[in-house]
């Protein structure tokens, strides 16, 4: 399966939820979706399209809080990044931890350093910062003018 076919199939299922599609190479693409579609998209990729959740990464930009969910179709070495942009004032999104155990710790880390709330996460306790910075301080948040 190639990138074009993966994108075509994804569009058939989530066209109204897609904001942007960027094909980076024959083996890599990023699809930006509406945040409220994350659970449906993750379930589709895993259960129907055969993708494996790898990890998530997040950053704070002028656009808001951005999360990239990285998926692999191991049989073809294809990497698909599902990208969401969260609200600047109240960043939150459904947790994937109830679907993928592998997302548990990275969501906890993202919550701890950026303050993104992962709704329905089974355990959003501190992972790395106990005693390192004050409660309510998120060291990776930026101040934009």
N, C-alpha and C. Protein backbone atom coordinates (compact mmCIF):
# COMPACT_ATOMS: atom_id res chain seq x y z
N UNK A 1 0.85 -1.18 0.00
CA UNK A 1 0.00 0.00 0.00
C UNK A 1 0.90 1.24 0.00
N UNK A 2 0.59 2.20 -0.87
CA UNK A 2 1.40 3.42 -0.93
C UNK A 2 0.69 4.59 -0.25
N UNK A 3 1.41 5.68 -0.13
CA UNK A 3 0.90 6.86 0.57
C UNK A 3 -0.39 7.39 -0.07
N UNK A 4 -0.43 7.43 -1.39
CA UNK A 4 -1.62 7.96 -2.07
C UNK A 4 -2.86 7.14 -1.74
N UNK A 5 -2.72 5.81 -1.71
CA UNK A 5 -3.85 4.96 -1.42
C UNK A 5 -4.29 5.10 0.05
N UNK A 6 -3.33 5.21 0.95
CA UNK A 6 -3.64 5.40 2.36
C UNK A 6 -4.42 6.71 2.55
N UNK A 7 -3.94 7.77 1.92
CA UNK A 7 -4.61 9.07 2.03
C UNK A 7 -6.02 9.00 1.42
N UNK A 8 -6.13 8.37 0.26
CA UNK A 8 -7.45 8.23 -0.39
C UNK A 8 -8.42 7.49 0.53
N UNK A 9 -7.99 6.37 1.10
CA UNK A 9 -8.86 5.60 2.00
C UNK A 9 -9.22 6.40 3.25
N UNK A 10 -8.26 7.13 3.80
CA UNK A 10 -8.52 7.94 4.98
C UNK A 10 -9.54 9.03 4.66
N UNK A 11 -9.39 9.66 3.51
CA UNK A 11 -10.34 10.71 3.09
C UNK A 11 -11.75 10.16 2.93
N UNK A 12 -11.87 8.94 2.44
CA UNK A 12 -13.19 8.33 2.27
C UNK A 12 -13.91 8.19 3.61
N UNK A 13 -13.16 7.95 4.67
CA UNK A 13 -13.75 7.77 5.99
C UNK A 13 -13.91 9.09 6.78
N UNK A 14 -13.01 10.05 6.53
CA UNK A 14 -12.93 11.23 7.41
C UNK A 14 -12.90 12.56 6.67
N UNK A 15 -13.41 12.60 5.47
CA UNK A 15 -13.30 13.80 4.66
C UNK A 15 -13.75 15.07 5.38
N UNK A 16 -14.87 15.03 6.09
CA UNK A 16 -15.37 16.23 6.76
C UNK A 16 -14.55 16.60 7.99
N UNK A 17 -13.70 15.69 8.47
CA UNK A 17 -12.85 15.97 9.63
C UNK A 17 -11.44 16.41 9.25
N UNK A 18 -11.10 16.32 7.98
CA UNK A 18 -9.74 16.63 7.53
C UNK A 18 -9.60 18.13 7.27
N UNK A 19 -8.54 18.70 7.81
CA UNK A 19 -8.23 20.12 7.60
C UNK A 19 -7.17 20.27 6.52
N UNK A 20 -6.17 19.39 6.53
CA UNK A 20 -5.07 19.50 5.57
C UNK A 20 -4.40 18.14 5.41
N UNK A 21 -3.90 17.88 4.21
CA UNK A 21 -3.11 16.68 3.93
C UNK A 21 -1.81 17.11 3.29
N UNK A 22 -0.70 16.64 3.85
CA UNK A 22 0.61 16.94 3.29
C UNK A 22 1.35 15.63 3.06
N UNK A 23 1.61 15.33 1.80
CA UNK A 23 2.39 14.15 1.46
C UNK A 23 3.85 14.58 1.46
N UNK A 24 4.63 14.05 2.38
CA UNK A 24 6.02 14.47 2.53
C UNK A 24 6.95 13.66 1.65
N UNK A 25 6.60 12.41 1.41
CA UNK A 25 7.38 11.53 0.53
C UNK A 25 6.51 10.33 0.19
N UNK A 26 7.08 9.37 -0.51
CA UNK A 26 6.32 8.16 -0.84
C UNK A 26 6.02 7.32 0.38
N UNK A 27 6.74 7.56 1.47
CA UNK A 27 6.58 6.74 2.68
C UNK A 27 6.09 7.53 3.89
N UNK A 28 5.77 8.81 3.70
CA UNK A 28 5.40 9.62 4.87
C UNK A 28 4.38 10.69 4.48
N UNK A 29 3.33 10.82 5.33
CA UNK A 29 2.32 11.86 5.12
C UNK A 29 1.82 12.35 6.47
N UNK A 30 1.35 13.59 6.48
CA UNK A 30 0.73 14.17 7.67
C UNK A 30 -0.67 14.61 7.31
N UNK A 31 -1.63 14.17 8.12
CA UNK A 31 -3.02 14.56 7.92
C UNK A 31 -3.47 15.32 9.17
N UNK A 32 -3.85 16.57 8.98
CA UNK A 32 -4.37 17.39 10.08
C UNK A 32 -5.87 17.20 10.12
N UNK A 33 -6.36 16.83 11.31
CA UNK A 33 -7.79 16.59 11.48
C UNK A 33 -8.33 17.44 12.62
N UNK A 34 -9.65 17.52 12.69
CA UNK A 34 -10.30 18.18 13.82
C UNK A 34 -10.06 17.34 15.06
N UNK A 35 -9.74 17.97 16.19
CA UNK A 35 -9.43 17.21 17.41
C UNK A 35 -10.52 16.25 17.85
N UNK A 36 -11.79 16.60 17.62
CA UNK A 36 -12.85 15.71 18.09
C UNK A 36 -12.97 14.42 17.28
N UNK A 37 -12.18 14.29 16.23
CA UNK A 37 -12.20 13.07 15.41
C UNK A 37 -11.07 12.10 15.78
N UNK A 38 -10.29 12.43 16.81
CA UNK A 38 -9.09 11.63 17.09
C UNK A 38 -9.41 10.18 17.44
N UNK A 39 -10.42 9.93 18.23
CA UNK A 39 -10.73 8.54 18.60
C UNK A 39 -11.18 7.72 17.39
N UNK A 40 -12.04 8.30 16.56
CA UNK A 40 -12.51 7.60 15.36
C UNK A 40 -11.34 7.32 14.41
N UNK A 41 -10.47 8.32 14.25
CA UNK A 41 -9.33 8.15 13.35
C UNK A 41 -8.37 7.08 13.86
N UNK A 42 -8.09 7.10 15.15
CA UNK A 42 -7.18 6.11 15.74
C UNK A 42 -7.75 4.71 15.60
N UNK A 43 -9.03 4.57 15.88
CA UNK A 43 -9.67 3.25 15.77
C UNK A 43 -9.64 2.74 14.32
N UNK A 44 -9.94 3.62 13.38
CA UNK A 44 -9.90 3.24 11.97
C UNK A 44 -8.49 2.79 11.57
N UNK A 45 -7.49 3.60 11.91
CA UNK A 45 -6.12 3.27 11.51
C UNK A 45 -5.68 1.93 12.09
N UNK A 46 -6.02 1.68 13.33
CA UNK A 46 -5.59 0.46 13.99
C UNK A 46 -6.41 -0.77 13.56
N UNK A 47 -7.72 -0.65 13.63
CA UNK A 47 -8.56 -1.83 13.42
C UNK A 47 -8.85 -2.13 11.95
N UNK A 48 -8.93 -1.09 11.12
CA UNK A 48 -9.29 -1.32 9.72
C UNK A 48 -8.11 -1.21 8.76
N UNK A 49 -7.24 -0.25 8.99
CA UNK A 49 -6.15 -0.01 8.04
C UNK A 49 -4.86 -0.74 8.40
N UNK A 50 -4.79 -1.32 9.62
CA UNK A 50 -3.63 -2.11 9.99
C UNK A 50 -2.42 -1.34 10.49
N UNK A 51 -2.62 -0.08 10.87
CA UNK A 51 -1.51 0.73 11.38
C UNK A 51 -1.25 0.43 12.85
N UNK A 52 -0.03 0.67 13.26
CA UNK A 52 0.39 0.53 14.64
C UNK A 52 0.70 1.90 15.20
N UNK A 53 0.19 2.20 16.40
CA UNK A 53 0.52 3.45 17.07
C UNK A 53 1.97 3.37 17.52
N UNK A 54 2.78 4.39 17.18
CA UNK A 54 4.18 4.41 17.60
C UNK A 54 4.33 5.26 18.85
N UNK A 55 4.02 6.55 18.71
CA UNK A 55 4.17 7.51 19.81
C UNK A 55 3.48 8.80 19.40
N UNK A 56 3.40 9.72 20.33
CA UNK A 56 2.87 11.06 20.04
C UNK A 56 3.94 12.07 20.43
N UNK A 57 3.90 13.21 19.79
CA UNK A 57 4.79 14.32 20.16
C UNK A 57 3.94 15.59 20.14
N UNK A 58 4.34 16.56 20.97
CA UNK A 58 3.54 17.78 21.08
C UNK A 58 4.43 19.00 21.21
N UNK A 59 3.89 20.14 20.81
CA UNK A 59 4.61 21.39 20.95
C UNK A 59 3.60 22.53 21.06
N UNK A 60 4.08 23.65 21.55
CA UNK A 60 3.27 24.84 21.72
C UNK A 60 3.72 25.84 20.66
N UNK A 61 2.81 26.26 19.80
CA UNK A 61 3.14 27.20 18.74
C UNK A 61 2.16 28.37 18.78
N UNK A 62 2.36 29.33 17.91
CA UNK A 62 1.43 30.46 17.85
C UNK A 62 0.03 30.02 17.45
N UNK A 63 -0.08 28.89 16.76
CA UNK A 63 -1.40 28.38 16.35
C UNK A 63 -2.14 27.73 17.50
N UNK A 64 -1.42 27.28 18.52
CA UNK A 64 -2.03 26.58 19.64
C UNK A 64 -1.14 25.44 20.09
N UNK A 65 -1.74 24.48 20.74
CA UNK A 65 -1.01 23.28 21.17
C UNK A 65 -1.20 22.23 20.09
N UNK A 66 -0.10 21.75 19.55
CA UNK A 66 -0.16 20.81 18.44
C UNK A 66 0.33 19.44 18.89
N UNK A 67 -0.41 18.42 18.50
CA UNK A 67 0.01 17.05 18.78
C UNK A 67 0.10 16.30 17.45
N UNK A 68 1.19 15.56 17.31
CA UNK A 68 1.38 14.66 16.17
C UNK A 68 1.32 13.23 16.71
N UNK A 69 0.38 12.46 16.21
CA UNK A 69 0.27 11.04 16.56
C UNK A 69 0.92 10.28 15.42
N UNK A 70 1.94 9.51 15.73
CA UNK A 70 2.73 8.82 14.72
C UNK A 70 2.30 7.35 14.62
N UNK A 71 1.96 6.93 13.40
CA UNK A 71 1.51 5.57 13.12
C UNK A 71 2.39 4.96 12.05
N UNK A 72 2.56 3.64 12.12
CA UNK A 72 3.36 2.92 11.14
C UNK A 72 2.56 1.78 10.54
N UNK A 73 2.67 1.64 9.24
CA UNK A 73 2.17 0.44 8.56
C UNK A 73 3.42 -0.38 8.27
N UNK A 74 3.75 -1.25 9.20
CA UNK A 74 5.04 -1.92 9.19
C UNK A 74 5.31 -2.72 7.93
N UNK A 75 4.29 -3.29 7.34
CA UNK A 75 4.49 -4.12 6.15
C UNK A 75 5.00 -3.31 4.95
N UNK A 76 4.76 -1.99 4.96
CA UNK A 76 5.17 -1.15 3.83
C UNK A 76 6.14 -0.03 4.24
N UNK A 77 6.49 0.02 5.53
CA UNK A 77 7.37 1.06 6.06
C UNK A 77 6.79 2.46 5.90
N UNK A 78 5.49 2.55 5.84
CA UNK A 78 4.80 3.83 5.67
C UNK A 78 4.54 4.44 7.04
N UNK A 79 4.83 5.73 7.19
CA UNK A 79 4.56 6.47 8.43
C UNK A 79 3.47 7.49 8.13
N UNK A 80 2.42 7.45 8.95
CA UNK A 80 1.33 8.41 8.83
C UNK A 80 1.25 9.19 10.14
N UNK A 81 1.32 10.50 10.03
CA UNK A 81 1.20 11.37 11.21
C UNK A 81 -0.18 12.00 11.19
N UNK A 82 -0.92 11.79 12.28
CA UNK A 82 -2.20 12.45 12.45
C UNK A 82 -1.94 13.65 13.34
N UNK A 83 -2.27 14.83 12.86
CA UNK A 83 -1.93 16.10 13.50
C UNK A 83 -3.20 16.80 13.92
N UNK A 84 -3.19 17.31 15.16
CA UNK A 84 -4.30 18.12 15.65
C UNK A 84 -3.76 19.41 16.25
N UNK A 85 -4.56 20.45 16.18
CA UNK A 85 -4.23 21.73 16.81
C UNK A 85 -5.31 22.01 17.84
N UNK A 86 -4.88 22.15 19.09
CA UNK A 86 -5.82 22.34 20.20
C UNK A 86 -5.93 23.80 20.57
N UNK A 87 -6.99 24.10 21.26
CA UNK A 87 -7.28 25.45 21.73
C UNK A 87 -6.12 26.02 22.55
N UNK A 88 -5.84 27.29 22.34
CA UNK A 88 -4.74 27.96 23.07
C UNK A 88 -5.03 28.12 24.55
N UNK A 89 -6.27 28.37 24.90
CA UNK A 89 -6.62 28.67 26.29
C UNK A 89 -6.95 27.42 27.11
N UNK A 90 -7.59 26.45 26.47
CA UNK A 90 -8.01 25.24 27.18
C UNK A 90 -7.66 24.00 26.34
N UNK A 91 -6.38 23.66 26.30
CA UNK A 91 -5.97 22.54 25.44
C UNK A 91 -6.39 21.19 26.03
N UNK A 92 -7.26 20.51 25.30
CA UNK A 92 -7.68 19.18 25.73
C UNK A 92 -8.09 18.35 24.53
N UNK A 93 -7.96 17.04 24.72
CA UNK A 93 -8.32 16.09 23.67
C UNK A 93 -8.56 14.74 24.33
N UNK A 94 -9.33 13.90 23.68
CA UNK A 94 -9.57 12.56 24.21
C UNK A 94 -8.25 11.78 24.26
N UNK A 95 -8.11 11.01 25.31
CA UNK A 95 -6.93 10.16 25.48
C UNK A 95 -7.03 8.94 24.58
N UNK A 96 -5.89 8.52 24.07
CA UNK A 96 -5.83 7.26 23.32
C UNK A 96 -5.40 6.10 24.23
N UNK A 97 -5.16 6.39 25.50
CA UNK A 97 -4.64 5.37 26.42
C UNK A 97 -5.59 4.21 26.65
N UNK A 98 -6.87 4.41 26.47
CA UNK A 98 -7.81 3.32 26.63
C UNK A 98 -7.86 2.42 25.39
N UNK A 99 -7.24 2.88 24.31
CA UNK A 99 -7.15 2.10 23.08
C UNK A 99 -5.74 1.51 22.92
N UNK A 100 -4.73 2.33 23.24
CA UNK A 100 -3.33 1.92 23.10
C UNK A 100 -2.61 2.12 24.43
N UNK A 101 -2.21 1.05 25.06
CA UNK A 101 -1.42 1.18 26.29
C UNK A 101 -0.15 1.99 26.05
N UNK A 102 0.37 1.92 24.84
CA UNK A 102 1.61 2.63 24.51
C UNK A 102 1.47 4.14 24.59
N UNK A 103 0.27 4.66 24.57
CA UNK A 103 0.10 6.12 24.63
C UNK A 103 0.04 6.64 26.06
N UNK A 104 -0.07 5.76 27.04
CA UNK A 104 -0.27 6.17 28.42
C UNK A 104 0.83 7.10 28.92
N UNK A 105 2.06 6.68 28.87
CA UNK A 105 3.15 7.48 29.44
C UNK A 105 3.41 8.75 28.64
N UNK A 106 3.32 8.69 27.32
CA UNK A 106 3.60 9.90 26.54
C UNK A 106 2.51 10.94 26.76
N UNK A 107 1.27 10.52 26.95
CA UNK A 107 0.21 11.48 27.26
C UNK A 107 0.45 12.10 28.64
N UNK A 108 0.90 11.29 29.58
CA UNK A 108 1.21 11.83 30.91
C UNK A 108 2.35 12.85 30.82
N UNK A 109 3.36 12.54 30.04
CA UNK A 109 4.48 13.47 29.88
C UNK A 109 4.04 14.76 29.20
N UNK A 110 3.26 14.66 28.15
CA UNK A 110 2.75 15.84 27.45
C UNK A 110 1.89 16.68 28.39
N UNK A 111 1.05 16.02 29.17
CA UNK A 111 0.22 16.74 30.15
C UNK A 111 1.11 17.50 31.13
N UNK A 112 2.14 16.85 31.58
CA UNK A 112 3.00 17.43 32.61
C UNK A 112 3.84 18.61 32.10
N UNK A 113 4.32 18.55 30.88
CA UNK A 113 5.21 19.61 30.40
C UNK A 113 4.48 20.71 29.62
N UNK A 114 3.28 20.39 29.09
CA UNK A 114 2.52 21.39 28.32
C UNK A 114 1.16 21.73 28.93
N UNK A 115 0.68 20.90 29.84
CA UNK A 115 -0.62 21.17 30.46
C UNK A 115 -1.81 20.80 29.60
N UNK A 116 -1.61 19.93 28.62
CA UNK A 116 -2.73 19.46 27.80
C UNK A 116 -3.48 18.41 28.60
N UNK A 117 -4.80 18.57 28.68
CA UNK A 117 -5.62 17.61 29.40
C UNK A 117 -6.06 16.51 28.45
N UNK A 118 -5.75 15.27 28.81
CA UNK A 118 -6.18 14.12 28.03
C UNK A 118 -7.43 13.55 28.70
N UNK A 119 -8.57 13.85 28.11
CA UNK A 119 -9.86 13.47 28.65
C UNK A 119 -9.97 11.94 28.70
N UNK A 120 -10.44 11.43 29.84
CA UNK A 120 -10.62 10.00 30.08
C UNK A 120 -9.31 9.22 30.16
N UNK A 121 -8.21 9.92 30.41
CA UNK A 121 -6.95 9.21 30.65
C UNK A 121 -7.09 8.48 31.98
N UNK A 122 -6.64 7.22 32.06
CA UNK A 122 -6.84 6.45 33.29
C UNK A 122 -5.99 6.89 34.49
N UNK A 123 -4.91 7.67 34.24
CA UNK A 123 -4.03 8.04 35.34
C UNK A 123 -3.12 9.19 34.90
N UNK A 124 -3.57 10.43 35.06
CA UNK A 124 -2.79 11.57 34.60
C UNK A 124 -1.87 12.12 35.70
N UNK A 125 -1.40 11.23 36.58
CA UNK A 125 -0.48 11.66 37.64
C UNK A 125 0.86 12.06 37.05
N UNK A 126 1.62 12.82 37.85
CA UNK A 126 2.95 13.25 37.41
C UNK A 126 3.83 12.05 37.12
N UNK A 127 4.66 12.22 36.12
CA UNK A 127 5.54 11.14 35.69
C UNK A 127 7.00 11.50 35.90
N UNK A 128 7.36 12.76 35.57
CA UNK A 128 8.78 13.13 35.59
C UNK A 128 9.12 14.31 36.49
N UNK A 129 8.14 15.10 36.89
CA UNK A 129 8.47 16.39 37.50
C UNK A 129 8.34 16.47 39.01
N UNK A 130 8.02 15.39 39.66
CA UNK A 130 7.77 15.46 41.11
C UNK A 130 8.89 16.23 41.80
N UNK A 131 8.55 17.45 42.28
CA UNK A 131 9.52 18.28 42.97
C UNK A 131 10.41 19.12 42.07
N UNK A 132 10.29 18.99 40.76
CA UNK A 132 11.16 19.73 39.85
C UNK A 132 10.63 21.12 39.50
N UNK A 133 9.31 21.29 39.47
CA UNK A 133 8.72 22.59 39.24
C UNK A 133 7.36 22.66 39.92
N UNK A 134 6.87 23.86 40.11
CA UNK A 134 5.66 24.09 40.90
C UNK A 134 4.41 23.56 40.20
N UNK A 135 3.42 23.24 40.99
CA UNK A 135 2.12 22.80 40.46
C UNK A 135 1.56 23.89 39.55
N UNK A 136 1.04 23.49 38.39
CA UNK A 136 0.46 24.45 37.45
C UNK A 136 1.47 25.13 36.55
N UNK A 137 2.76 24.81 36.71
CA UNK A 137 3.80 25.34 35.84
C UNK A 137 4.07 24.30 34.76
N UNK A 138 4.04 24.74 33.51
CA UNK A 138 4.27 23.83 32.39
C UNK A 138 5.48 24.35 31.62
N UNK A 139 6.65 23.75 31.83
CA UNK A 139 7.90 24.32 31.33
C UNK A 139 8.04 24.43 29.81
N UNK A 140 7.24 23.71 29.05
CA UNK A 140 7.37 23.78 27.59
C UNK A 140 6.36 24.74 26.96
N UNK A 141 5.56 25.42 27.80
CA UNK A 141 4.67 26.45 27.26
C UNK A 141 5.47 27.70 26.95
N UNK A 142 5.07 28.39 25.92
CA UNK A 142 5.77 29.59 25.48
C UNK A 142 4.87 30.81 25.64
N UNK A 143 5.47 31.96 25.71
CA UNK A 143 4.73 33.22 25.72
C UNK A 143 4.87 33.85 24.34
N UNK A 144 3.76 34.02 23.65
CA UNK A 144 3.78 34.61 22.31
C UNK A 144 3.21 36.01 22.37
N UNK A 145 3.81 36.91 21.59
CA UNK A 145 3.34 38.31 21.53
C UNK A 145 2.33 38.47 20.43
